[in-house]
Each structure stands twice: as structure tokens, then as C-alpha cells.
Amino acid sequence: MSFTKVGAHALAGFVSGSETTGHLFDPNFGQFDIGQGHYAKWSDLWVDLWEYYGIANVIIFTAEMAEVIVLD
């Protein structure tokens, strides 16, 4: 699983709402279709990502994201 696919979902989930809520948009289907669609906090969004992609892939994405943040 690449950063691009998981990252696209995670970032779409964060930026499509306010600072505290968002929607998880699935670009493969062109609709908000993962979980309930609204997330009160990041941890709620990650739970849906874990269920959709599997926890190992989300951990890999998180590590890649941390590396990007540190390098920037």
C-alpha cells in the first residue's frame, strides 16, 4: 500500500470538513462511502482507515507521513 492511496483518503478526510470534522472521500468510487463520513476527531478517522486498509497499511502510512513531516 502506498502513501498516495491511504494518504489521499486521510487528507481528504481532514480537509473536507472544518478543523475538527471531515468526510472520508473515496476517489475510487467518487463518493463519501467509508464509515459514517463524519469524524469528530482524527482517531475516529483512523479507525475507519484501519478497517478499510488493514492496520499494517495504516501504520506504514503513518510512518511515511512522519518521515515527510520530519524531512520538511
Protein backbone atom coordinates (compact mmCIF):
# COMPACT_ATOMS: atom_id res chain seq x y z
CA MET A 1 0.00 0.00 0.00
CA SER A 2 1.44 3.30 -0.97
CA PHE A 3 1.37 6.61 0.82
CA THR A 4 -0.60 8.03 -2.10
CA LYS A 5 -3.75 5.94 -1.72
CA VAL A 6 -4.03 5.89 2.06
CA GLY A 7 -2.77 9.46 2.26
CA ALA A 8 -5.37 10.68 -0.20
CA HIS A 9 -8.13 9.26 1.95
CA ALA A 10 -6.69 10.56 5.20
CA LEU A 11 -6.03 14.05 3.89
CA ALA A 12 -9.40 14.23 2.16
CA GLY A 13 -11.00 13.20 5.43
CA PHE A 14 -9.30 16.04 7.24
CA VAL A 15 -9.51 18.90 4.75
CA SER A 16 -13.05 18.42 3.51
CA GLY A 17 -14.55 19.48 6.83
CA SER A 18 -13.73 22.01 9.48
CA GLU A 19 -10.64 21.75 11.66
CA THR A 20 -12.34 19.12 13.78
CA THR A 21 -14.69 17.31 11.40
CA GLY A 22 -14.40 15.99 7.90
CA HIS A 23 -15.50 13.45 5.33
CA LEU A 24 -13.52 10.47 4.13
CA PHE A 25 -13.78 10.68 0.35
CA ASP A 26 -13.04 7.54 -1.66
CA PRO A 27 -11.61 8.64 -5.02
CA ASN A 28 -12.04 5.11 -6.37
CA PHE A 29 -15.80 5.44 -6.21
CA GLY A 30 -16.17 9.21 -6.27
CA GLN A 31 -18.26 9.34 -3.14
CA PHE A 32 -18.12 9.52 0.62
CA ASP A 33 -18.63 5.85 1.35
CA ILE A 34 -16.30 4.70 4.11
CA GLY A 35 -17.73 4.56 7.61
CA GLN A 36 -20.22 7.22 8.60
CA GLY A 37 -18.47 10.01 6.72
CA HIS A 38 -18.22 12.45 9.63
CA TYR A 39 -15.35 12.42 12.08
CA ALA A 40 -15.24 14.37 15.32
CA LYS A 41 -11.52 13.74 15.70
CA TRP A 42 -8.56 12.17 13.92
CA SER A 43 -8.74 8.96 15.96
CA ASP A 44 -12.23 8.26 14.61
CA LEU A 45 -10.98 8.70 11.05
CA TRP A 46 -8.03 6.34 11.68
CA VAL A 47 -10.39 3.63 12.95
CA ASP A 48 -12.17 3.63 9.60
CA LEU A 49 -8.84 3.65 7.75
CA TRP A 50 -7.73 0.62 9.78
CA GLU A 51 -10.91 -1.26 8.93
CA TYR A 52 -10.72 -0.33 5.24
CA TYR A 53 -7.00 -0.85 4.60
CA GLY A 54 -5.85 -3.04 7.47
CA ILE A 55 -3.85 -1.82 10.42
CA ALA A 56 -0.46 -2.75 8.94
CA ASN A 57 -1.01 -0.46 5.95
CA VAL A 58 -2.13 2.42 8.14
CA ILE A 59 0.97 2.02 10.32
CA ILE A 60 3.14 2.12 7.20
CA PHE A 61 1.32 5.26 6.01
CA THR A 62 1.72 6.89 9.43
CA ALA A 63 5.46 6.15 9.42
CA GLU A 64 5.81 7.56 5.91
CA MET A 65 3.84 10.66 6.87
CA ALA A 66 6.02 11.19 9.96
CA GLU A 67 9.11 10.93 7.77
CA VAL A 68 7.69 13.53 5.37
CA ILE A 69 6.93 15.91 8.23
CA VAL A 70 10.39 15.48 9.76
CA LEU A 71 12.12 15.97 6.40
CA ASP A 72 10.12 19.12 5.66
